[in-house]
Amino acid sequence: KAKTRRSTKKAAAQDVEAAPVKEKAPATEAPAE
């Protein structure tokens, strides 16, 4: 059964809400020039 666009958007929105937010670790050193 083909999914409609509307239900796909709802499913994508639910996935975004349910996914834990990952924070970036601070950079310890600046990259070498």
Full PDB file with SEQRES, HELIX, SHEET, SSBOND, CRYST1, ORIGX, SCALE, CONECT and MASTER records, all heavy atoms in Angstrom:
SEQRES   1 A   33  LYS ALA LYS THR ARG ARG SER THR LYS LYS ALA ALA ALA          
SEQRES   2 A   33  GLN ASP VAL GLU ALA ALA PRO VAL LYS GLU LYS ALA PRO          
SEQRES   3 A   33  ALA THR GLU ALA PRO ALA GLU                                  
HELIX    1 AA1 ARG A    5  ALA A   18  1                                  14    
CRYST1    1.000    1.000    1.000  90.00  90.00  90.00 P 1           1          
ORIGX1      1.000000  0.000000  0.000000        0.00000                         
ORIGX2      0.000000  1.000000  0.000000        0.00000                         
ORIGX3      0.000000  0.000000  1.000000        0.00000                         
SCALE1      1.000000  0.000000  0.000000        0.00000                         
SCALE2      0.000000  1.000000  0.000000        0.00000                         
SCALE3      0.000000  0.000000  1.000000        0.00000                         
ATOM      1  N   LYS A   1       0.843  -1.175   0.000  1.00  0.00           N  
ATOM      2  CA  LYS A   1       0.000   0.000   0.000  1.00  0.00           C  
ATOM      3  C   LYS A   1       0.888   1.237   0.000  1.00  0.00           C  
ATOM      4  O   LYS A   1       1.780   1.382   0.831  1.00  0.00           O  
ATOM      5  CB  LYS A   1      -0.901  -0.001   1.238  1.00  0.00           C  
ATOM      6  CG  LYS A   1      -1.928   1.084   1.220  1.00  0.00           C  
ATOM      7  CD  LYS A   1      -2.859   0.976   2.400  1.00  0.00           C  
ATOM      8  CE  LYS A   1      -3.869   2.092   2.376  1.00  0.00           C  
ATOM      9  NZ  LYS A   1      -4.762   2.034   3.538  1.00  0.00           N  
ATOM     10  N   ALA A   2       0.631   2.143  -0.915  1.00  0.00           N  
ATOM     11  CA  ALA A   2       1.439   3.344  -1.033  1.00  0.00           C  
ATOM     12  C   ALA A   2       1.046   4.329   0.048  1.00  0.00           C  
ATOM     13  O   ALA A   2      -0.137   4.502   0.354  1.00  0.00           O  
ATOM     14  CB  ALA A   2       1.247   3.970  -2.412  1.00  0.00           C  
ATOM     15  N   LYS A   3       2.038   4.970   0.631  1.00  0.00           N  
ATOM     16  CA  LYS A   3       1.771   5.972   1.649  1.00  0.00           C  
ATOM     17  C   LYS A   3       1.501   7.306   0.971  1.00  0.00           C  
ATOM     18  O   LYS A   3       2.077   7.615  -0.058  1.00  0.00           O  
ATOM     19  CB  LYS A   3       2.975   6.103   2.582  1.00  0.00           C  
ATOM     20  CG  LYS A   3       3.230   4.865   3.399  1.00  0.00           C  
ATOM     21  CD  LYS A   3       4.397   5.086   4.324  1.00  0.00           C  
ATOM     22  CE  LYS A   3       4.649   3.858   5.160  1.00  0.00           C  
ATOM     23  NZ  LYS A   3       5.789   4.044   6.064  1.00  0.00           N  
ATOM     24  N   THR A   4       0.648   8.091   1.590  1.00  0.00           N  
ATOM     25  CA  THR A   4       0.368   9.406   1.035  1.00  0.00           C  
ATOM     26  C   THR A   4       1.421  10.383   1.544  1.00  0.00           C  
ATOM     27  O   THR A   4       2.109  10.126   2.523  1.00  0.00           O  
ATOM     28  CB  THR A   4      -1.030   9.891   1.456  1.00  0.00           C  
ATOM     29  OG1 THR A   4      -1.072   9.967   2.884  1.00  0.00           O  
ATOM     30  CG2 THR A   4      -2.097   8.930   0.964  1.00  0.00           C  
ATOM     31  N   ARG A   5       1.496  11.510   0.910  1.00  0.00           N  
ATOM     32  CA  ARG A   5       2.499  12.499   1.302  1.00  0.00           C  
ATOM     33  C   ARG A   5       2.205  13.020   2.705  1.00  0.00           C  
ATOM     34  O   ARG A   5       3.090  13.311   3.481  1.00  0.00           O  
ATOM     35  CB  ARG A   5       2.516  13.650   0.311  1.00  0.00           C  
ATOM     36  CG  ARG A   5       2.927  13.198  -1.076  1.00  0.00           C  
ATOM     37  CD  ARG A   5       2.967  14.349  -2.003  1.00  0.00           C  
ATOM     38  NE  ARG A   5       4.291  14.941  -1.895  1.00  0.00           N  
ATOM     39  CZ  ARG A   5       4.625  16.100  -2.407  1.00  0.00           C  
ATOM     40  NH1 ARG A   5       3.739  16.816  -3.053  1.00  0.00           N  
ATOM     41  NH2 ARG A   5       5.852  16.566  -2.282  1.00  0.00           N  
ATOM     42  N   ARG A   6       0.935  13.156   2.991  1.00  0.00           N  
ATOM     43  CA  ARG A   6       0.561  13.722   4.278  1.00  0.00           C  
ATOM     44  C   ARG A   6       1.015  12.841   5.434  1.00  0.00           C  
ATOM     45  O   ARG A   6       1.574  13.325   6.410  1.00  0.00           O  
ATOM     46  CB  ARG A   6      -0.954  13.897   4.303  1.00  0.00           C  
ATOM     47  CG  ARG A   6      -1.461  14.602   5.514  1.00  0.00           C  
ATOM     48  CD  ARG A   6      -2.922  14.882   5.347  1.00  0.00           C  
ATOM     49  NE  ARG A   6      -3.410  15.670   6.458  1.00  0.00           N  
ATOM     50  CZ  ARG A   6      -4.609  16.128   6.550  1.00  0.00           C  
ATOM     51  NH1 ARG A   6      -5.466  15.891   5.582  1.00  0.00           N  
ATOM     52  NH2 ARG A   6      -4.986  16.835   7.585  1.00  0.00           N  
ATOM     53  N   SER A   7       0.769  11.532   5.300  1.00  0.00           N  
ATOM     54  CA  SER A   7       1.160  10.646   6.384  1.00  0.00           C  
ATOM     55  C   SER A   7       2.681  10.548   6.491  1.00  0.00           C  
ATOM     56  O   SER A   7       3.215  10.345   7.562  1.00  0.00           O  
ATOM     57  CB  SER A   7       0.561   9.255   6.190  1.00  0.00           C  
ATOM     58  OG  SER A   7       1.079   8.670   5.019  1.00  0.00           O  
ATOM     59  N   THR A   8       3.380  10.729   5.408  1.00  0.00           N  
ATOM     60  CA  THR A   8       4.837  10.695   5.434  1.00  0.00           C  
ATOM     61  C   THR A   8       5.376  11.882   6.223  1.00  0.00           C  
ATOM     62  O   THR A   8       6.306  11.754   7.007  1.00  0.00           O  
ATOM     63  CB  THR A   8       5.400  10.704   4.004  1.00  0.00           C  
ATOM     64  OG1 THR A   8       4.812   9.639   3.284  1.00  0.00           O  
ATOM     65  CG2 THR A   8       6.895  10.555   3.998  1.00  0.00           C  
ATOM     66  N   LYS A   9       4.778  13.042   6.027  1.00  0.00           N  
ATOM     67  CA  LYS A   9       5.227  14.230   6.755  1.00  0.00           C  
ATOM     68  C   LYS A   9       4.988  14.065   8.252  1.00  0.00           C  
ATOM     69  O   LYS A   9       5.808  14.438   9.067  1.00  0.00           O  
ATOM     70  CB  LYS A   9       4.511  15.471   6.236  1.00  0.00           C  
ATOM     71  CG  LYS A   9       4.971  15.899   4.868  1.00  0.00           C  
ATOM     72  CD  LYS A   9       4.239  17.131   4.423  1.00  0.00           C  
ATOM     73  CE  LYS A   9       4.667  17.548   3.026  1.00  0.00           C  
ATOM     74  NZ  LYS A   9       3.931  18.712   2.548  1.00  0.00           N  
ATOM     75  N   LYS A  10       3.833  13.507   8.610  1.00  0.00           N  
ATOM     76  CA  LYS A  10       3.534  13.290  10.027  1.00  0.00           C  
ATOM     77  C   LYS A  10       4.541  12.327  10.637  1.00  0.00           C  
ATOM     78  O   LYS A  10       5.035  12.535  11.733  1.00  0.00           O  
ATOM     79  CB  LYS A  10       2.123  12.732  10.194  1.00  0.00           C  
ATOM     80  CG  LYS A  10       1.038  13.748  10.000  1.00  0.00           C  
ATOM     81  CD  LYS A  10      -0.312  13.105  10.248  1.00  0.00           C  
ATOM     82  CE  LYS A  10      -1.440  14.073  10.049  1.00  0.00           C  
ATOM     83  NZ  LYS A  10      -2.739  13.428  10.245  1.00  0.00           N  
ATOM     84  N   ALA A  11       4.835  11.264   9.920  1.00  0.00           N  
ATOM     85  CA  ALA A  11       5.782  10.276  10.429  1.00  0.00           C  
ATOM     86  C   ALA A  11       7.169  10.890  10.574  1.00  0.00           C  
ATOM     87  O   ALA A  11       7.879  10.636  11.543  1.00  0.00           O  
ATOM     88  CB  ALA A  11       5.834   9.058   9.503  1.00  0.00           C  
ATOM     89  N   ALA A  12       7.566  11.729   9.637  1.00  0.00           N  
ATOM     90  CA  ALA A  12       8.878  12.371   9.710  1.00  0.00           C  
ATOM     91  C   ALA A  12       8.931  13.332  10.891  1.00  0.00           C  
ATOM     92  O   ALA A  12       9.934  13.424  11.594  1.00  0.00           O  
ATOM     93  CB  ALA A  12       9.184  13.104   8.412  1.00  0.00           C  
ATOM     94  N   ALA A  13       7.828  14.064  11.141  1.00  0.00           N  
ATOM     95  CA  ALA A  13       7.790  15.001  12.261  1.00  0.00           C  
ATOM     96  C   ALA A  13       7.866  14.244  13.590  1.00  0.00           C  
ATOM     97  O   ALA A  13       8.535  14.683  14.528  1.00  0.00           O  
ATOM     98  CB  ALA A  13       6.524  15.838  12.200  1.00  0.00           C  
ATOM     99  N   GLN A  14       7.222  13.122  13.690  1.00  0.00           N  
ATOM    100  CA  GLN A  14       7.267  12.321  14.909  1.00  0.00           C  
ATOM    101  C   GLN A  14       8.671  11.776  15.135  1.00  0.00           C  
ATOM    102  O   GLN A  14       9.142  11.702  16.260  1.00  0.00           O  
ATOM    103  CB  GLN A  14       6.263  11.176  14.838  1.00  0.00           C  
ATOM    104  CG  GLN A  14       4.821  11.646  14.925  1.00  0.00           C  
ATOM    105  CD  GLN A  14       3.835  10.521  14.692  1.00  0.00           C  
ATOM    106  OE1 GLN A  14       4.237   9.398  14.381  1.00  0.00           O  
ATOM    107  NE2 GLN A  14       2.558  10.814  14.824  1.00  0.00           N  
ATOM    108  N   ASP A  15       9.355  11.386  14.083  1.00  0.00           N  
ATOM    109  CA  ASP A  15      10.715  10.865  14.203  1.00  0.00           C  
ATOM    110  C   ASP A  15      11.668  11.947  14.714  1.00  0.00           C  
ATOM    111  O   ASP A  15      12.549  11.691  15.516  1.00  0.00           O  
ATOM    112  CB  ASP A  15      11.221  10.322  12.864  1.00  0.00           C  
ATOM    113  CG  ASP A  15      10.514   9.037  12.472  1.00  0.00           C  
ATOM    114  OD1 ASP A  15       9.907   8.415  13.372  1.00  0.00           O  
ATOM    115  OD2 ASP A  15      10.572   8.667  11.287  1.00  0.00           O  
ATOM    116  N   VAL A  16      11.483  13.184  14.265  1.00  0.00           N  
ATOM    117  CA  VAL A  16      12.347  14.282  14.680  1.00  0.00           C  
ATOM    118  C   VAL A  16      12.143  14.579  16.164  1.00  0.00           C  
ATOM    119  O   VAL A  16      13.092  14.802  16.909  1.00  0.00           O  
ATOM    120  CB  VAL A  16      12.079  15.544  13.811  1.00  0.00           C  
ATOM    121  CG1 VAL A  16      12.781  16.754  14.382  1.00  0.00           C  
ATOM    122  CG2 VAL A  16      12.517  15.284  12.389  1.00  0.00           C  
ATOM    123  N   GLU A  17      10.880  14.567  16.599  1.00  0.00           N  
ATOM    124  CA  GLU A  17      10.584  14.837  18.006  1.00  0.00           C  
ATOM    125  C   GLU A  17      11.114  13.734  18.904  1.00  0.00           C  
ATOM    126  O   GLU A  17      11.601  13.998  20.003  1.00  0.00           O  
ATOM    127  CB  GLU A  17       9.074  14.983  18.201  1.00  0.00           C  
ATOM    128  CG  GLU A  17       8.500  16.231  17.553  1.00  0.00           C  
ATOM    129  CD  GLU A  17       6.985  16.260  17.620  1.00  0.00           C  
ATOM    130  OE1 GLU A  17       6.402  15.369  18.267  1.00  0.00           O  
ATOM    131  OE2 GLU A  17       6.398  17.166  17.028  1.00  0.00           O  
ATOM    132  N   ALA A  18      11.017  12.521  18.466  1.00  0.00           N  
ATOM    133  CA  ALA A  18      11.415  11.388  19.294  1.00  0.00           C  
ATOM    134  C   ALA A  18      12.932  11.209  19.348  1.00  0.00           C  
ATOM    135  O   ALA A  18      13.454  10.645  20.297  1.00  0.00           O  
ATOM    136  CB  ALA A  18      10.773  10.108  18.774  1.00  0.00           C  
ATOM    137  N   ALA A  19      13.650  11.682  18.354  1.00  0.00           N  
ATOM    138  CA  ALA A  19      15.098  11.474  18.303  1.00  0.00           C  
ATOM    139  C   ALA A  19      15.784  12.364  19.337  1.00  0.00           C  
ATOM    140  O   ALA A  19      15.454  13.541  19.473  1.00  0.00           O  
ATOM    141  CB  ALA A  19      15.628  11.785  16.904  1.00  0.00           C  
ATOM    142  N   PRO A  20      16.758  11.834  20.100  1.00  0.00           N  
ATOM    143  CA  PRO A  20      17.478  12.656  21.073  1.00  0.00           C  
ATOM    144  C   PRO A  20      18.402  13.635  20.351  1.00  0.00           C  
ATOM    145  O   PRO A  20      18.968  13.325  19.311  1.00  0.00           O  
ATOM    146  CB  PRO A  20      18.274  11.633  21.888  1.00  0.00           C  
ATOM    147  CG  PRO A  20      18.407  10.459  20.987  1.00  0.00           C  
ATOM    148  CD  PRO A  20      17.177  10.459  20.132  1.00  0.00           C  
ATOM    149  N   VAL A  21      18.521  14.813  20.924  1.00  0.00           N  
ATOM    150  CA  VAL A  21      19.351  15.849  20.318  1.00  0.00           C  
ATOM    151  C   VAL A  21      20.790  15.635  20.760  1.00  0.00           C  
ATOM    152  O   VAL A  21      21.090  15.532  21.950  1.00  0.00           O  
ATOM    153  CB  VAL A  21      18.862  17.256  20.753  1.00  0.00           C  
ATOM    154  CG1 VAL A  21      19.752  18.336  20.158  1.00  0.00           C  
ATOM    155  CG2 VAL A  21      17.418  17.444  20.355  1.00  0.00           C  
ATOM    156  N   LYS A  22      21.699  15.558  19.818  1.00  0.00           N  
ATOM    157  CA  LYS A  22      23.115  15.354  20.113  1.00  0.00           C  
ATOM    158  C   LYS A  22      23.826  16.704  20.054  1.00  0.00           C  
ATOM    159  O   LYS A  22      23.669  17.448  19.085  1.00  0.00           O  
ATOM    160  CB  LYS A  22      23.743  14.388  19.105  1.00  0.00           C  
ATOM    161  CG  LYS A  22      23.189  12.995  19.182  1.00  0.00           C  
ATOM    162  CD  LYS A  22      23.888  12.108  18.174  1.00  0.00           C  
ATOM    163  CE  LYS A  22      23.358  10.696  18.229  1.00  0.00           C  
ATOM    164  NZ  LYS A  22      23.984   9.835  17.234  1.00  0.00           N  
ATOM    165  N   GLU A  23      24.571  17.010  21.085  1.00  0.00           N  
ATOM    166  CA  GLU A  23      25.323  18.261  21.092  1.00  0.00           C  
ATOM    167  C   GLU A  23      26.748  17.987  20.642  1.00  0.00           C  
ATOM    168  O   GLU A  23      27.324  16.947  20.949  1.00  0.00           O  
ATOM    169  CB  GLU A  23      25.332  18.858  22.496  1.00  0.00           C  
ATOM    170  CG  GLU A  23      23.960  19.289  22.945  1.00  0.00           C  
ATOM    171  CD  GLU A  23      24.010  19.940  24.305  1.00  0.00           C  
ATOM    172  OE1 GLU A  23      25.109  20.377  24.724  1.00  0.00           O  
ATOM    173  OE2 GLU A  23      22.965  20.013  24.940  1.00  0.00           O  
ATOM    174  N   LYS A  24      27.336  18.973  19.994  1.00  0.00           N  
ATOM    175  CA  LYS A  24      28.704  18.826  19.530  1.00  0.00           C  
ATOM    176  C   LYS A  24      29.665  19.089  20.688  1.00  0.00           C  
ATOM    177  O   LYS A  24      29.444  19.968  21.508  1.00  0.00           O  
ATOM    178  CB  LYS A  24      29.004  19.808  18.397  1.00  0.00           C  
ATOM    179  CG  LYS A  24      28.277  19.468  17.120  1.00  0.00           C  
ATOM    180  CD  LYS A  24      28.698  20.411  16.025  1.00  0.00           C  
ATOM    181  CE  LYS A  24      28.028  20.073  14.718  1.00  0.00           C  
ATOM    182  NZ  LYS A  24      28.417  20.987  13.650  1.00  0.00           N  
ATOM    183  N   ALA A  25      30.709  18.315  20.729  1.00  0.00           N  
ATOM    184  CA  ALA A  25      31.739  18.526  21.755  1.00  0.00           C  
ATOM    185  C   ALA A  25      32.553  19.745  21.365  1.00  0.00           C  
ATOM    186  O   ALA A  25      32.836  19.953  20.179  1.00  0.00           O  
ATOM    187  CB  ALA A  25      32.630  17.301  21.873  1.00  0.00           C  
ATOM    188  N   PRO A  26      32.972  20.577  22.320  1.00  0.00           N  
ATOM    189  CA  PRO A  26      33.772  21.779  21.969  1.00  0.00           C  
ATOM    190  C   PRO A  26      35.129  21.366  21.409  1.00  0.00           C  
ATOM    191  O   PRO A  26      35.732  20.392  21.831  1.00  0.00           O  
ATOM    192  CB  PRO A  26      33.910  22.519  23.288  1.00  0.00           C  
ATOM    193  CG  PRO A  26      33.654  21.498  24.343  1.00  0.00           C  
ATOM    194  CD  PRO A  26      32.734  20.489  23.739  1.00  0.00           C  
ATOM    195  N   ALA A  27      35.588  22.139  20.481  1.00  0.00           N  
ATOM    196  CA  ALA A  27      36.880  21.851  19.860  1.00  0.00           C  
ATOM    197  C   ALA A  27      37.990  22.161  20.849  1.00  0.00           C  
ATOM    198  O   ALA A  27      38.018  23.240  21.447  1.00  0.00           O  
ATOM    199  CB  ALA A  27      37.046  22.669  18.586  1.00  0.00           C  
ATOM    200  N   THR A  28      38.914  21.249  21.039  1.00  0.00           N  
ATOM    201  CA  THR A  28      40.000  21.441  22.010  1.00  0.00           C  
ATOM    202  C   THR A  28      41.157  22.211  21.408  1.00  0.00           C  
ATOM    203  O   THR A  28      41.777  23.022  22.061  1.00  0.00           O  
ATOM    204  CB  THR A  28      40.505  20.081  22.514  1.00  0.00           C  
ATOM    205  OG1 THR A  28      40.888  19.294  21.396  1.00  0.00           O  
ATOM    206  CG2 THR A  28      39.429  19.382  23.304  1.00  0.00           C  
ATOM    207  N   GLU A  29      41.472  21.971  20.172  1.00  0.00           N  
ATOM    208  CA  GLU A  29      42.586  22.644  19.532  1.00  0.00           C  
ATOM    209  C   GLU A  29      42.130  23.237  18.222  1.00  0.00           C  
ATOM    210  O   GLU A  29      41.275  22.675  17.543  1.00  0.00           O  
ATOM    211  CB  GLU A  29      43.719  21.661  19.255  1.00  0.00           C  
ATOM    212  CG  GLU A  29      44.358  21.096  20.485  1.00  0.00           C  
ATOM    213  CD  GLU A  29      45.487  20.152  20.117  1.00  0.00           C  
ATOM    214  OE1 GLU A  29      45.987  20.219  18.970  1.00  0.00           O  
ATOM    215  OE2 GLU A  29      45.859  19.352  20.955  1.00  0.00           O  
ATOM    216  N   ALA A  30      42.735  24.337  17.867  1.00  0.00           N  
ATOM    217  CA  ALA A  30      42.452  24.926  16.569  1.00  0.00           C  
ATOM    218  C   ALA A  30      43.223  24.131  15.530  1.00  0.00           C  
ATOM    219  O   ALA A  30      44.339  23.681  15.791  1.00  0.00           O  
ATOM    220  CB  ALA A  30      42.886  26.390  16.546  1.00  0.00           C  
ATOM    221  N   PRO A  31      42.697  23.977  14.391  1.00  0.00           N  
ATOM    222  CA  PRO A  31      43.411  23.222  13.355  1.00  0.00           C  
ATOM    223  C   PRO A  31      44.678  23.948  12.940  1.00  0.00           C  
ATOM    224  O   PRO A  31      44.757  25.179  12.965  1.00  0.00           O  
ATOM    225  CB  PRO A  31      42.406  23.141  12.201  1.00  0.00           C  
ATOM    226  CG  PRO A  31      41.397  24.202  12.466  1.00  0.00           C  
ATOM    227  CD  PRO A  31      41.384  24.438  13.945  1.00  0.00           C  
ATOM    228  N   ALA A  32      45.697  23.201  12.610  1.00  0.00           N  
ATOM    229  CA  ALA A  32      46.985  23.769  12.217  1.00  0.00           C  
ATOM    230  C   ALA A  32      46.834  24.519  10.917  1.00  0.00           C  
ATOM    231  O   ALA A  32      46.089  24.106  10.033  1.00  0.00           O  
ATOM    232  CB  ALA A  32      48.021  22.665  12.089  1.00  0.00           C  
ATOM    233  N   GLU A  33      47.585  25.646  10.819  1.00  0.00           N  
ATOM    234  CA  GLU A  33      47.493  26.432   9.604  1.00  0.00           C  
ATOM    235  C   GLU A  33      48.254  25.753   8.479  1.00  0.00           C  
ATOM    236  O   GLU A  33      49.185  25.003   8.713  1.00  0.00           O  
ATOM    237  CB  GLU A  33      48.073  27.817   9.856  1.00  0.00           C  
ATOM    238  CG  GLU A  33      47.262  28.619  10.829  1.00  0.00           C  
ATOM    239  CD  GLU A  33      47.817  30.013  10.988  1.00  0.00           C  
ATOM    240  OE1 GLU A  33      48.616  30.435  10.125  1.00  0.00           O  
ATOM    241  OE2 GLU A  33      47.449  30.675  11.950  1.00  0.00           O  
TER     242      GLU A  33                                                      
MASTER        0    0    0    1    0    0    0    6  241    1    0    3          
END                                                                             
